[in-house]
Amino acid sequence: MGDSGWRAHYNSELRAEEIRTVIAAAQLGERPFVIGHSFGGFMTMKVASQYGDGLGGAVIVDSPIRSPEEARNADSWPGRGKG
């Protein structure tokens, strides 16, 4: 995604920490809102779950949200997992 540097491995915990670091460096205030669209919505959910006490809120736009039960059973959905 662009010409910036990259790591050999990424995960959602690392991305959430990097988002929190950018928020702090940008001096967005004590409790900023995080807004994420599509894939960014997933990262917004991760940031909110890990660092929610430091946020004023989170807005998630056009990102599918599944219940924990649906997430556990995702491999049984048509076109996914075994079969």
PDB file of N, CA and C in Angstrom:
ATOM      1  N   MET A   1       0.834  -1.188   0.000  1.00  0.00           N
ATOM      2  CA  MET A   1       0.000   0.000   0.000  1.00  0.00           C
ATOM      3  C   MET A   1       0.874   1.245   0.000  1.00  0.00           C
ATOM      4  N   GLY A   2       1.415   1.603  -1.076  1.00  0.00           N
ATOM      5  CA  GLY A   2       2.196   2.829  -1.129  1.00  0.00           C
ATOM      6  C   GLY A   2       3.688   2.568  -1.070  1.00  0.00           C
ATOM      7  N   ASP A   3       4.416   3.648  -0.930  1.00  0.00           N
ATOM      8  CA  ASP A   3       5.870   3.584  -0.970  1.00  0.00           C
ATOM      9  C   ASP A   3       6.520   3.634   0.399  1.00  0.00           C
ATOM     10  N   SER A   4       5.748   3.634   1.464  1.00  0.00           N
ATOM     11  CA  SER A   4       6.333   3.686   2.802  1.00  0.00           C
ATOM     12  C   SER A   4       6.932   2.338   3.164  1.00  0.00           C
ATOM     13  N   GLY A   5       7.706   2.337   4.237  1.00  0.00           N
ATOM     14  CA  GLY A   5       8.322   1.094   4.699  1.00  0.00           C
ATOM     15  C   GLY A   5       7.269   0.080   5.112  1.00  0.00           C
ATOM     16  N   TRP A   6       7.703  -1.167   5.275  1.00  0.00           N
ATOM     17  CA  TRP A   6       6.763  -2.210   5.662  1.00  0.00           C
ATOM     18  C   TRP A   6       7.463  -3.215   6.554  1.00  0.00           C
ATOM     19  N   ARG A   7       6.658  -3.962   7.272  1.00  0.00           N
ATOM     20  CA  ARG A   7       7.157  -5.021   8.151  1.00  0.00           C
ATOM     21  C   ARG A   7       6.912  -6.370   7.486  1.00  0.00           C
ATOM     22  N   ALA A   8       7.654  -7.354   7.932  1.00  0.00           N
ATOM     23  CA  ALA A   8       7.449  -8.708   7.413  1.00  0.00           C
ATOM     24  C   ALA A   8       6.111  -9.269   7.887  1.00  0.00           C
ATOM     25  N   HIS A   9       5.645  -8.860   9.080  1.00  0.00           N
ATOM     26  CA  HIS A   9       4.396  -9.367   9.647  1.00  0.00           C
ATOM     27  C   HIS A   9       3.585  -8.226  10.247  1.00  0.00           C
ATOM     28  N   TYR A  10       2.284  -8.291  10.064  1.00  0.00           N
ATOM     29  CA  TYR A  10       1.368  -7.341  10.675  1.00  0.00           C
ATOM     30  C   TYR A  10       0.289  -8.130  11.400  1.00  0.00           C
ATOM     31  N   ASN A  11      -0.276  -7.535  12.436  1.00  0.00           N
ATOM     32  CA  ASN A  11      -1.461  -8.102  13.068  1.00  0.00           C
ATOM     33  C   ASN A  11      -2.297  -6.949  13.615  1.00  0.00           C
ATOM     34  N   SER A  12      -3.496  -7.252  14.040  1.00  0.00           N
ATOM     35  CA  SER A  12      -4.401  -6.185  14.465  1.00  0.00           C
ATOM     36  C   SER A  12      -3.921  -5.497  15.737  1.00  0.00           C
ATOM     37  N   GLU A  13      -3.241  -6.217  16.634  1.00  0.00           N
ATOM     38  CA  GLU A  13      -2.723  -5.585  17.842  1.00  0.00           C
ATOM     39  C   GLU A  13      -1.681  -4.522  17.501  1.00  0.00           C
ATOM     40  N   LEU A  14      -0.787  -4.842  16.581  1.00  0.00           N
ATOM     41  CA  LEU A  14       0.236  -3.887  16.154  1.00  0.00           C
ATOM     42  C   LEU A  14      -0.400  -2.680  15.475  1.00  0.00           C
ATOM     43  N   ARG A  15      -1.349  -2.923  14.597  1.00  0.00           N
ATOM     44  CA  ARG A  15      -2.019  -1.812  13.916  1.00  0.00           C
ATOM     45  C   ARG A  15      -2.726  -0.911  14.927  1.00  0.00           C
ATOM     46  N   ALA A  16      -3.409  -1.506  15.901  1.00  0.00           N
ATOM     47  CA  ALA A  16      -4.103  -0.711  16.921  1.00  0.00           C
ATOM     48  C   ALA A  16      -3.114   0.143  17.705  1.00  0.00           C
ATOM     49  N   GLU A  17      -1.989  -0.435  18.065  1.00  0.00           N
ATOM     50  CA  GLU A  17      -0.969   0.328  18.787  1.00  0.00           C
ATOM     51  C   GLU A  17      -0.430   1.472  17.933  1.00  0.00           C
ATOM     52  N   GLU A  18      -0.229   1.219  16.646  1.00  0.00           N
ATOM     53  CA  GLU A  18       0.264   2.270  15.753  1.00  0.00           C
ATOM     54  C   GLU A  18      -0.773   3.389  15.591  1.00  0.00           C
ATOM     55  N   ILE A  19      -2.038   3.028  15.517  1.00  0.00           N
ATOM     56  CA  ILE A  19      -3.093   4.040  15.434  1.00  0.00           C
ATOM     57  C   ILE A  19      -3.083   4.894  16.697  1.00  0.00           C
ATOM     58  N   ARG A  20      -2.970   4.255  17.851  1.00  0.00           N
ATOM     59  CA  ARG A  20      -2.912   4.993  19.122  1.00  0.00           C
ATOM     60  C   ARG A  20      -1.705   5.923  19.142  1.00  0.00           C
ATOM     61  N   THR A  21      -0.573   5.475  18.624  1.00  0.00           N
ATOM     62  CA  THR A  21       0.637   6.298  18.581  1.00  0.00           C
ATOM     63  C   THR A  21       0.449   7.508  17.669  1.00  0.00           C
ATOM     64  N   VAL A  22      -0.193   7.309  16.529  1.00  0.00           N
ATOM     65  CA  VAL A  22      -0.458   8.420  15.609  1.00  0.00           C
ATOM     66  C   VAL A  22      -1.399   9.439  16.259  1.00  0.00           C
ATOM     67  N   ILE A  23      -2.422   8.957  16.953  1.00  0.00           N
ATOM     68  CA  ILE A  23      -3.350   9.856  17.642  1.00  0.00           C
ATOM     69  C   ILE A  23      -2.590  10.715  18.653  1.00  0.00           C
ATOM     70  N   ALA A  24      -1.715  10.096  19.430  1.00  0.00           N
ATOM     71  CA  ALA A  24      -0.942  10.842  20.423  1.00  0.00           C
ATOM     72  C   ALA A  24      -0.010  11.849  19.760  1.00  0.00           C
ATOM     73  N   ALA A  25       0.672  11.434  18.695  1.00  0.00           N
ATOM     74  CA  ALA A  25       1.608  12.329  18.005  1.00  0.00           C
ATOM     75  C   ALA A  25       0.886  13.502  17.351  1.00  0.00           C
ATOM     76  N   ALA A  26      -0.332  13.273  16.895  1.00  0.00           N
ATOM     77  CA  ALA A  26      -1.107  14.334  16.237  1.00  0.00           C
ATOM     78  C   ALA A  26      -1.747  15.286  17.240  1.00  0.00           C
ATOM     79  N   GLN A  27      -1.633  14.969  18.516  1.00  0.00           N
ATOM     80  CA  GLN A  27      -2.191  15.800  19.584  1.00  0.00           C
ATOM     81  C   GLN A  27      -3.658  16.142  19.313  1.00  0.00           C
ATOM     82  N   LEU A  28      -4.450  15.088  19.138  1.00  0.00           N
ATOM     83  CA  LEU A  28      -5.867  15.252  18.813  1.00  0.00           C
ATOM     84  C   LEU A  28      -6.738  15.506  20.039  1.00  0.00           C
ATOM     85  N   GLY A  29      -6.124  15.638  21.167  1.00  0.00           N
ATOM     86  CA  GLY A  29      -6.883  15.914  22.380  1.00  0.00           C
ATOM     87  C   GLY A  29      -6.895  14.717  23.306  1.00  0.00           C
ATOM     88  N   GLU A  30      -7.497  14.931  24.470  1.00  0.00           N
ATOM     89  CA  GLU A  30      -7.472  13.911  25.504  1.00  0.00           C
ATOM     90  C   GLU A  30      -8.300  12.680  25.151  1.00  0.00           C
ATOM     91  N   ARG A  31      -9.461  12.885  24.530  1.00  0.00           N
ATOM     92  CA  ARG A  31     -10.342  11.754  24.201  1.00  0.00           C
ATOM     93  C   ARG A  31     -10.899  11.933  22.787  1.00  0.00           C
ATOM     94  N   PRO A  32     -10.073  11.698  21.769  1.00  0.00           N
ATOM     95  CA  PRO A  32     -10.539  11.872  20.388  1.00  0.00           C
ATOM     96  C   PRO A  32     -11.486  10.754  19.951  1.00  0.00           C
ATOM     97  N   PHE A  33     -12.193  11.010  18.889  1.00  0.00           N
ATOM     98  CA  PHE A  33     -13.018   9.992  18.240  1.00  0.00           C
ATOM     99  C   PHE A  33     -12.194   9.349  17.141  1.00  0.00           C
ATOM    100  N   VAL A  34     -12.370   8.061  16.959  1.00  0.00           N
ATOM    101  CA  VAL A  34     -11.732   7.336  15.860  1.00  0.00           C
ATOM    102  C   VAL A  34     -12.842   6.917  14.907  1.00  0.00           C
ATOM    103  N   ILE A  35     -12.629   7.154  13.624  1.00  0.00           N
ATOM    104  CA  ILE A  35     -13.615   6.813  12.594  1.00  0.00           C
ATOM    105  C   ILE A  35     -12.938   5.891  11.592  1.00  0.00           C
ATOM    106  N   GLY A  36     -13.572   4.766  11.299  1.00  0.00           N
ATOM    107  CA  GLY A  36     -12.999   3.825  10.352  1.00  0.00           C
ATOM    108  C   GLY A  36     -14.032   3.343   9.351  1.00  0.00           C
ATOM    109  N   HIS A  37     -13.622   3.217   8.101  1.00  0.00           N
ATOM    110  CA  HIS A  37     -14.486   2.750   7.023  1.00  0.00           C
ATOM    111  C   HIS A  37     -13.943   1.439   6.469  1.00  0.00           C
ATOM    112  N   SER A  38     -14.820   0.477   6.222  1.00  0.00           N
ATOM    113  CA  SER A  38     -14.474  -0.803   5.635  1.00  0.00           C
ATOM    114  C   SER A  38     -13.397  -1.497   6.483  1.00  0.00           C
ATOM    115  N   PHE A  39     -12.221  -1.802   5.924  1.00  0.00           N
ATOM    116  CA  PHE A  39     -11.167  -2.428   6.719  1.00  0.00           C
ATOM    117  C   PHE A  39     -10.784  -1.546   7.903  1.00  0.00           C
ATOM    118  N   GLY A  40     -10.792  -0.229   7.705  1.00  0.00           N
ATOM    119  CA  GLY A  40     -10.493   0.694   8.798  1.00  0.00           C
ATOM    120  C   GLY A  40     -11.473   0.558   9.948  1.00  0.00           C
ATOM    121  N   GLY A  41     -12.688   0.125   9.645  1.00  0.00           N
ATOM    122  CA  GLY A  41     -13.671  -0.120  10.698  1.00  0.00           C
ATOM    123  C   GLY A  41     -13.249  -1.261  11.607  1.00  0.00           C
ATOM    124  N   PHE A  42     -12.656  -2.300  11.023  1.00  0.00           N
ATOM    125  CA  PHE A  42     -12.150  -3.404  11.836  1.00  0.00           C
ATOM    126  C   PHE A  42     -11.044  -2.909  12.768  1.00  0.00           C
ATOM    127  N   MET A  43     -10.158  -2.070  12.234  1.00  0.00           N
ATOM    128  CA  MET A  43      -9.080  -1.539  13.060  1.00  0.00           C
ATOM    129  C   MET A  43      -9.627  -0.585  14.120  1.00  0.00           C
ATOM    130  N   THR A  44     -10.681   0.159  13.779  1.00  0.00           N
ATOM    131  CA  THR A  44     -11.327   1.030  14.762  1.00  0.00           C
ATOM    132  C   THR A  44     -11.903   0.198  15.902  1.00  0.00           C
ATOM    133  N   MET A  45     -12.524  -0.935  15.568  1.00  0.00           N
ATOM    134  CA  MET A  45     -13.046  -1.812  16.610  1.00  0.00           C
ATOM    135  C   MET A  45     -11.917  -2.319  17.502  1.00  0.00           C
ATOM    136  N   LYS A  46     -10.777  -2.652  16.905  1.00  0.00           N
ATOM    137  CA  LYS A  46      -9.640  -3.151  17.682  1.00  0.00           C
ATOM    138  C   LYS A  46      -9.092  -2.055  18.588  1.00  0.00           C
ATOM    139  N   VAL A  47      -8.928  -0.839  18.044  1.00  0.00           N
ATOM    140  CA  VAL A  47      -8.444   0.284  18.852  1.00  0.00           C
ATOM    141  C   VAL A  47      -9.395   0.532  20.013  1.00  0.00           C
ATOM    142  N   ALA A  48     -10.686   0.536  19.733  1.00  0.00           N
ATOM    143  CA  ALA A  48     -11.674   0.779  20.784  1.00  0.00           C
ATOM    144  C   ALA A  48     -11.653  -0.322  21.832  1.00  0.00           C
ATOM    145  N   SER A  49     -11.450  -1.568  21.411  1.00  0.00           N
ATOM    146  CA  SER A  49     -11.438  -2.661  22.391  1.00  0.00           C
ATOM    147  C   SER A  49     -10.186  -2.624  23.257  1.00  0.00           C
ATOM    148  N   GLN A  50      -9.066  -2.163  22.715  1.00  0.00           N
ATOM    149  CA  GLN A  50      -7.815  -2.134  23.466  1.00  0.00           C
ATOM    150  C   GLN A  50      -7.603  -0.828  24.219  1.00  0.00           C
ATOM    151  N   TYR A  51      -8.036   0.288  23.642  1.00  0.00           N
ATOM    152  CA  TYR A  51      -7.724   1.603  24.193  1.00  0.00           C
ATOM    153  C   TYR A  51      -8.968   2.473  24.360  1.00  0.00           C
ATOM    154  N   GLY A  52     -10.118   1.839  24.493  1.00  0.00           N
ATOM    155  CA  GLY A  52     -11.382   2.558  24.548  1.00  0.00           C
ATOM    156  C   GLY A  52     -11.493   3.587  25.653  1.00  0.00           C
ATOM    157  N   ASP A  53     -10.827   3.358  26.786  1.00  0.00           N
ATOM    158  CA  ASP A  53     -10.893   4.319  27.886  1.00  0.00           C
ATOM    159  C   ASP A  53     -10.290   5.664  27.502  1.00  0.00           C
ATOM    160  N   GLY A  54      -9.413   5.673  26.503  1.00  0.00           N
ATOM    161  CA  GLY A  54      -8.779   6.913  26.074  1.00  0.00           C
ATOM    162  C   GLY A  54      -9.464   7.570  24.894  1.00  0.00           C
ATOM    163  N   LEU A  55     -10.606   7.027  24.467  1.00  0.00           N
ATOM    164  CA  LEU A  55     -11.325   7.573  23.315  1.00  0.00           C
ATOM    165  C   LEU A  55     -12.618   8.245  23.744  1.00  0.00           C
ATOM    166  N   GLY A  56     -12.997   9.250  22.985  1.00  0.00           N
ATOM    167  CA  GLY A  56     -14.303   9.856  23.178  1.00  0.00           C
ATOM    168  C   GLY A  56     -15.390   9.008  22.546  1.00  0.00           C
ATOM    169  N   GLY A  57     -15.012   8.219  21.545  1.00  0.00           N
ATOM    170  CA  GLY A  57     -15.950   7.334  20.876  1.00  0.00           C
ATOM    171  C   GLY A  57     -15.335   6.756  19.621  1.00  0.00           C
ATOM    172  N   ALA A  58     -16.081   5.861  18.997  1.00  0.00           N
ATOM    173  CA  ALA A  58     -15.647   5.222  17.759  1.00  0.00           C
ATOM    174  C   ALA A  58     -16.829   5.159  16.806  1.00  0.00           C
ATOM    175  N   VAL A  59     -16.564   5.442  15.539  1.00  0.00           N
ATOM    176  CA  VAL A  59     -17.579   5.363  14.494  1.00  0.00           C
ATOM    177  C   VAL A  59     -17.090   4.340  13.473  1.00  0.00           C
ATOM    178  N   ILE A  60     -17.922   3.346  13.201  1.00  0.00           N
ATOM    179  CA  ILE A  60     -17.577   2.273  12.268  1.00  0.00           C
ATOM    180  C   ILE A  60     -18.551   2.338  11.107  1.00  0.00           C
ATOM    181  N   VAL A  61     -18.024   2.499   9.900  1.00  0.00           N
ATOM    182  CA  VAL A  61     -18.848   2.696   8.714  1.00  0.00           C
ATOM    183  C   VAL A  61     -18.592   1.577   7.713  1.00  0.00           C
ATOM    184  N   ASP A  62     -19.660   0.898   7.308  1.00  0.00           N
ATOM    185  CA  ASP A  62     -19.600  -0.083   6.228  1.00  0.00           C
ATOM    186  C   ASP A  62     -18.619  -1.214   6.494  1.00  0.00           C
ATOM    187  N   SER A  63     -18.585  -1.679   7.731  1.00  0.00           N
ATOM    188  CA  SER A  63     -17.770  -2.834   8.105  1.00  0.00           C
ATOM    189  C   SER A  63     -18.712  -3.889   8.666  1.00  0.00           C
ATOM    190  N   PRO A  64     -18.624  -5.120   8.191  1.00  0.00           N
ATOM    191  CA  PRO A  64     -19.501  -6.152   8.748  1.00  0.00           C
ATOM    192  C   PRO A  64     -19.142  -6.419  10.206  1.00  0.00           C
ATOM    193  N   ILE A  65     -20.143  -6.537  11.023  1.00  0.00           N
ATOM    194  CA  ILE A  65     -19.949  -6.853  12.439  1.00  0.00           C
ATOM    195  C   ILE A  65     -20.680  -8.145  12.708  1.00  0.00           C
ATOM    196  N   ARG A  66     -19.961  -9.115  13.267  1.00  0.00           N
ATOM    197  CA  ARG A  66     -20.560 -10.418  13.574  1.00  0.00           C
ATOM    198  C   ARG A  66     -20.573 -10.618  15.081  1.00  0.00           C
ATOM    199  N   SER A  67     -21.564 -11.344  15.518  1.00  0.00           N
ATOM    200  CA  SER A  67     -21.615 -11.719  16.930  1.00  0.00           C
ATOM    201  C   SER A  67     -20.497 -12.716  17.202  1.00  0.00           C
ATOM    202  N   PRO A  68     -20.096 -12.888  18.464  1.00  0.00           N
ATOM    203  CA  PRO A  68     -19.060 -13.887  18.767  1.00  0.00           C
ATOM    204  C   PRO A  68     -19.428 -15.287  18.281  1.00  0.00           C
ATOM    205  N   GLU A  69     -20.712 -15.628  18.344  1.00  0.00           N
ATOM    206  CA  GLU A  69     -21.136 -16.950  17.873  1.00  0.00           C
ATOM    207  C   GLU A  69     -20.932 -17.077  16.368  1.00  0.00           C
ATOM    208  N   GLU A  70     -21.280 -16.030  15.620  1.00  0.00           N
ATOM    209  CA  GLU A  70     -21.078 -16.071  14.171  1.00  0.00           C
ATOM    210  C   GLU A  70     -19.596 -16.160  13.832  1.00  0.00           C
ATOM    211  N   ALA A  71     -18.772 -15.429  14.550  1.00  0.00           N
ATOM    212  CA  ALA A  71     -17.338 -15.453  14.290  1.00  0.00           C
ATOM    213  C   ALA A  71     -16.757 -16.844  14.551  1.00  0.00           C
ATOM    214  N   ARG A  72     -17.204 -17.502  15.610  1.00  0.00           N
ATOM    215  CA  ARG A  72     -16.719 -18.857  15.915  1.00  0.00           C
ATOM    216  C   ARG A  72     -17.132 -19.849  14.843  1.00  0.00           C
ATOM    217  N   ASN A  73     -18.286 -19.639  14.227  1.00  0.00           N
ATOM    218  CA  ASN A  73     -18.814 -20.571  13.241  1.00  0.00           C
ATOM    219  C   ASN A  73     -18.506 -20.155  11.801  1.00  0.00           C
ATOM    220  N   ALA A  74     -17.632 -19.182  11.606  1.00  0.00           N
ATOM    221  CA  ALA A  74     -17.356 -18.657  10.268  1.00  0.00           C
ATOM    222  C   ALA A  74     -16.849 -19.719   9.312  1.00  0.00           C
ATOM    223  N   ASP A  75     -16.107 -20.707   9.806  1.00  0.00           N
ATOM    224  CA  ASP A  75     -15.585 -21.754   8.924  1.00  0.00           C
ATOM    225  C   ASP A  75     -16.684 -22.618   8.333  1.00  0.00           C
ATOM    226  N   SER A  76     -17.861 -22.616   8.934  1.00  0.00           N
ATOM    227  CA  SER A  76     -18.945 -23.445   8.409  1.00  0.00           C
ATOM    228  C   SER A  76     -19.804 -22.699   7.388  1.00  0.00           C
ATOM    229  N   TRP A  77     -19.506 -21.403   7.130  1.00  0.00           N
ATOM    230  CA  TRP A  77     -20.276 -20.651   6.141  1.00  0.00           C
ATOM    231  C   TRP A  77     -19.976 -21.176   4.743  1.00  0.00           C
ATOM    232  N   PRO A  78     -20.947 -21.106   3.842  1.00  0.00           N
ATOM    233  CA  PRO A  78     -20.692 -21.553   2.454  1.00  0.00           C
ATOM    234  C   PRO A  78     -19.494 -20.821   1.855  1.00  0.00           C
ATOM    235  N   GLY A  79     -18.629 -21.576   1.205  1.00  0.00           N
ATOM    236  CA  GLY A  79     -17.473 -20.977   0.552  1.00  0.00           C
ATOM    237  C   GLY A  79     -16.292 -20.759   1.479  1.00  0.00           C
ATOM    238  N   ARG A  80     -16.423 -21.108   2.749  1.00  0.00           N
ATOM    239  CA  ARG A  80     -15.337 -20.917   3.719  1.00  0.00           C
ATOM    240  C   ARG A  80     -14.968 -22.254   4.347  1.00  0.00           C
ATOM    241  N   GLY A  81     -13.737 -22.337   4.781  1.00  0.00           N
ATOM    242  CA  GLY A  81     -13.303 -23.508   5.533  1.00  0.00           C
ATOM    243  C   GLY A  81     -13.343 -24.791   4.715  1.00  0.00           C
ATOM    244  N   LYS A  82     -13.650 -25.864   5.389  1.00  0.00           N
ATOM    245  CA  LYS A  82     -13.644 -27.182   4.753  1.00  0.00           C
ATOM    246  C   LYS A  82     -14.889 -27.386   3.919  1.00  0.00           C
ATOM    247  N   GLY A  83     -14.758 -28.170   2.878  1.00  0.00           N
ATOM    248  CA  GLY A  83     -15.940 -28.543   2.115  1.00  0.00           C
ATOM    249  C   GLY A  83     -15.926 -28.185   0.755  1.00  0.00           C
TER     250      GLY A  83
END
